[in-house]
Protein backbone atom coordinates (compact mmCIF):
# COMPACT_ATOMS: atom_id res chain seq x y z
CA MET A 1 0.00 0.00 0.00
CA VAL A 2 1.15 3.54 -0.80
CA THR A 3 -0.26 6.40 1.29
CA ILE A 4 0.11 10.07 0.38
CA GLY A 5 -1.75 12.59 2.48
CA ASN A 6 -5.16 11.13 3.31
CA ASP A 7 -5.29 8.89 0.24
CA SER A 8 -3.81 5.48 -0.40
CA LEU A 9 -3.45 2.95 -3.20
CA GLN A 10 -3.26 -0.82 -2.92
CA PHE A 11 -0.64 -2.81 -4.84
CA PRO A 12 -0.75 -3.48 -7.73
CA PHE A 13 -1.73 -0.06 -9.05
CA GLU A 14 -1.45 1.70 -12.38
CA LEU A 15 1.20 4.36 -12.88
CA ASN A 16 -1.43 6.93 -13.89
CA GLU A 17 -3.29 6.28 -10.60
CA PHE A 18 -0.07 7.01 -8.72
CA LYS A 19 0.56 10.19 -10.72
CA ALA A 20 -3.00 11.37 -10.03
CA LEU A 21 -2.50 10.73 -6.32
CA LEU A 22 0.72 12.76 -6.34
CA GLU A 23 -0.91 15.65 -8.22
CA LYS A 24 -3.82 15.72 -5.78
CA ALA A 25 -1.42 15.74 -2.82
CA ASP A 26 0.63 18.52 -4.41
CA LYS A 27 -2.44 20.72 -4.96
CA THR A 28 -3.65 20.10 -1.41
CA GLN A 29 -0.23 20.90 0.03
CA SER A 30 0.15 24.12 -1.97
CA LYS A 31 -3.23 25.37 -0.76
CA GLN A 32 -2.25 24.72 2.87
CA ASN A 33 1.15 26.43 2.69
CA ASP A 34 2.04 30.07 2.45
CA ILE A 35 2.89 31.42 -0.98
CA GLU A 36 4.31 34.69 -2.28
CA TRP A 37 3.58 36.95 -5.25
CA GLY A 38 5.06 40.21 -6.47
CA PHE A 39 4.07 43.14 -8.65
CA ASP A 40 6.24 45.76 -10.31
CA THR A 41 5.34 49.44 -10.00
CA SER A 42 1.64 49.64 -9.23
CA SER A 43 -0.75 52.41 -8.36
CA PHE A 44 -4.35 52.86 -7.35
CA GLU A 45 -6.47 55.63 -8.83
CA SER A 46 -6.83 57.34 -5.45
CA ARG A 47 -6.37 56.96 -1.73
CA ASP A 48 -10.05 56.04 -1.52
CA GLU A 49 -9.52 53.16 -3.93
CA TRP A 50 -6.63 51.98 -1.74
CA PHE A 51 -8.82 52.10 1.38
CA THR A 52 -11.58 50.21 -0.44
CA PHE A 53 -9.05 47.56 -1.49
CA CYS A 54 -7.80 47.20 2.10
CA HIS A 55 -11.32 46.91 3.51
CA ARG A 56 -12.27 44.36 0.84
CA HIS A 57 -9.38 42.14 1.96
CA ASN A 58 -9.64 42.97 5.68
CA LEU A 59 -6.17 44.59 5.71
CA ASP A 60 -5.00 47.19 8.17
CA THR A 61 -5.12 50.57 6.39
CA ASN A 62 -2.49 52.33 8.54
CA GLY A 63 0.41 50.08 7.64
CA VAL A 64 3.52 49.28 9.61
CA LEU A 65 6.95 50.44 8.46
CA THR A 66 9.34 47.46 8.19
CA ASP A 67 12.80 47.03 6.71
CA THR A 68 11.23 45.46 3.60
CA GLY A 69 8.44 47.97 3.00
CA TRP A 70 5.13 49.21 4.30
CA MET A 71 3.22 46.20 5.59
CA PHE A 72 -0.58 45.98 5.53
CA ALA A 73 -1.73 42.71 7.08
CA ASN A 74 -4.31 40.51 8.70
CA GLU A 75 -3.93 37.07 10.28
CA HIS A 76 -3.77 35.33 6.87
CA VAL A 77 -1.84 37.59 4.53
CA ARG A 78 0.77 40.37 4.45
CA VAL A 79 0.94 42.98 1.67
CA PHE A 80 4.17 45.00 1.36
CA THR A 81 4.48 48.20 -0.68
CA SER A 82 7.45 50.45 -1.36
CA TYR A 83 5.31 53.59 -1.09
CA HIS A 84 2.52 54.06 1.42
CA PRO A 85 -0.49 54.51 -0.92
CA SER A 86 -2.19 56.85 1.52
CA THR A 87 0.69 59.13 2.58
CA GLY A 88 3.10 58.79 -0.35
CA GLU A 89 6.08 58.05 1.93
CA HIS A 90 8.76 55.67 0.60
CA TYR A 91 9.72 52.98 3.11
CA HIS A 92 13.51 53.23 2.71
CA ARG A 93 14.33 56.71 1.48
CA HIS A 94 11.63 58.36 3.62
CA ASP A 95 10.93 60.83 0.83
CA PHE A 96 7.41 61.58 -0.26
CA HIS A 97 5.75 61.20 -3.62
CA ASP A 98 2.74 63.36 -4.39
CA TRP A 99 1.15 60.79 -6.71
CA GLU A 100 -1.98 59.85 -4.78
CA GLY A 101 -2.50 56.10 -4.56
CA LEU A 102 1.05 55.12 -5.62
CA ALA A 103 2.02 51.77 -4.07
CA GLY A 104 5.22 51.21 -6.05
CA TYR A 105 6.44 47.64 -5.76
CA ILE A 106 4.03 45.22 -4.09
CA GLY A 107 4.88 41.92 -2.41
CA ILE A 108 2.27 39.55 -1.01
CA SER A 109 2.85 36.66 1.40
CA GLY A 110 0.36 34.41 3.12
CA CYS A 111 -2.07 31.57 2.76
CA TYR A 112 -2.82 30.45 -0.77
CA ASP A 113 -6.49 31.42 -1.04
CA ARG A 114 -6.02 34.91 0.42
CA VAL A 115 -2.95 35.68 -1.68
CA MET A 116 -4.69 34.57 -4.87
CA ALA A 117 -7.76 36.71 -4.07
CA ILE A 118 -5.51 39.76 -3.63
CA VAL A 119 -3.56 38.93 -6.81
CA LYS A 120 -6.77 38.80 -8.86
CA ASP A 121 -7.99 42.06 -7.36
CA LEU A 122 -4.65 43.86 -7.85
CA ARG A 123 -4.60 42.91 -11.51
CA LYS A 124 -7.93 44.73 -11.89
CA VAL A 125 -7.39 47.85 -9.80
CA ALA A 126 -3.67 48.61 -9.43
CA ASP A 127 -2.42 48.66 -13.03
CA PRO A 128 0.81 46.70 -12.38
CA LYS A 129 3.63 46.89 -14.94
CA ASP A 130 4.79 43.31 -14.33
CA GLU A 131 4.38 40.47 -11.85
CA SER A 132 6.40 37.60 -10.41
CA ARG A 133 4.54 34.42 -9.66
CA LEU A 134 5.25 32.52 -6.45
CA LYS A 135 7.93 34.96 -5.28
CA ARG A 136 8.24 38.56 -4.15
CA SER A 137 10.82 39.58 -6.74
CA PHE A 138 10.32 43.33 -6.53
CA ILE A 139 10.10 43.97 -2.78
């Protein structure tokens, strides 16, 4: 008998049955683990759009300044930006940009479902120049 996750196969089994079992286990595991995503320079149309985005995903709107960017988080996901979309302050240089809603680089870390919901939403509202799948390449 071969057991992977909660499923098992009895000997003898077909190779395609084993492959299907592995694929199912892989999908289950990836949904349980944290993942990352990144976006190149991104901006929201306004501060209000940023606040709406945060409320939609239950993110803190104030943000916390960290050594890797402004962090907006809840218990399931962390969103990092290079510029604070509400104040315009850059996380490292501490200069200000007057472009309302500018987030700059965006990095997302957290549980699979929450990250993917934010990724889909950001593609619609933040006009990203580029993205990196499964890693925070930009910030």
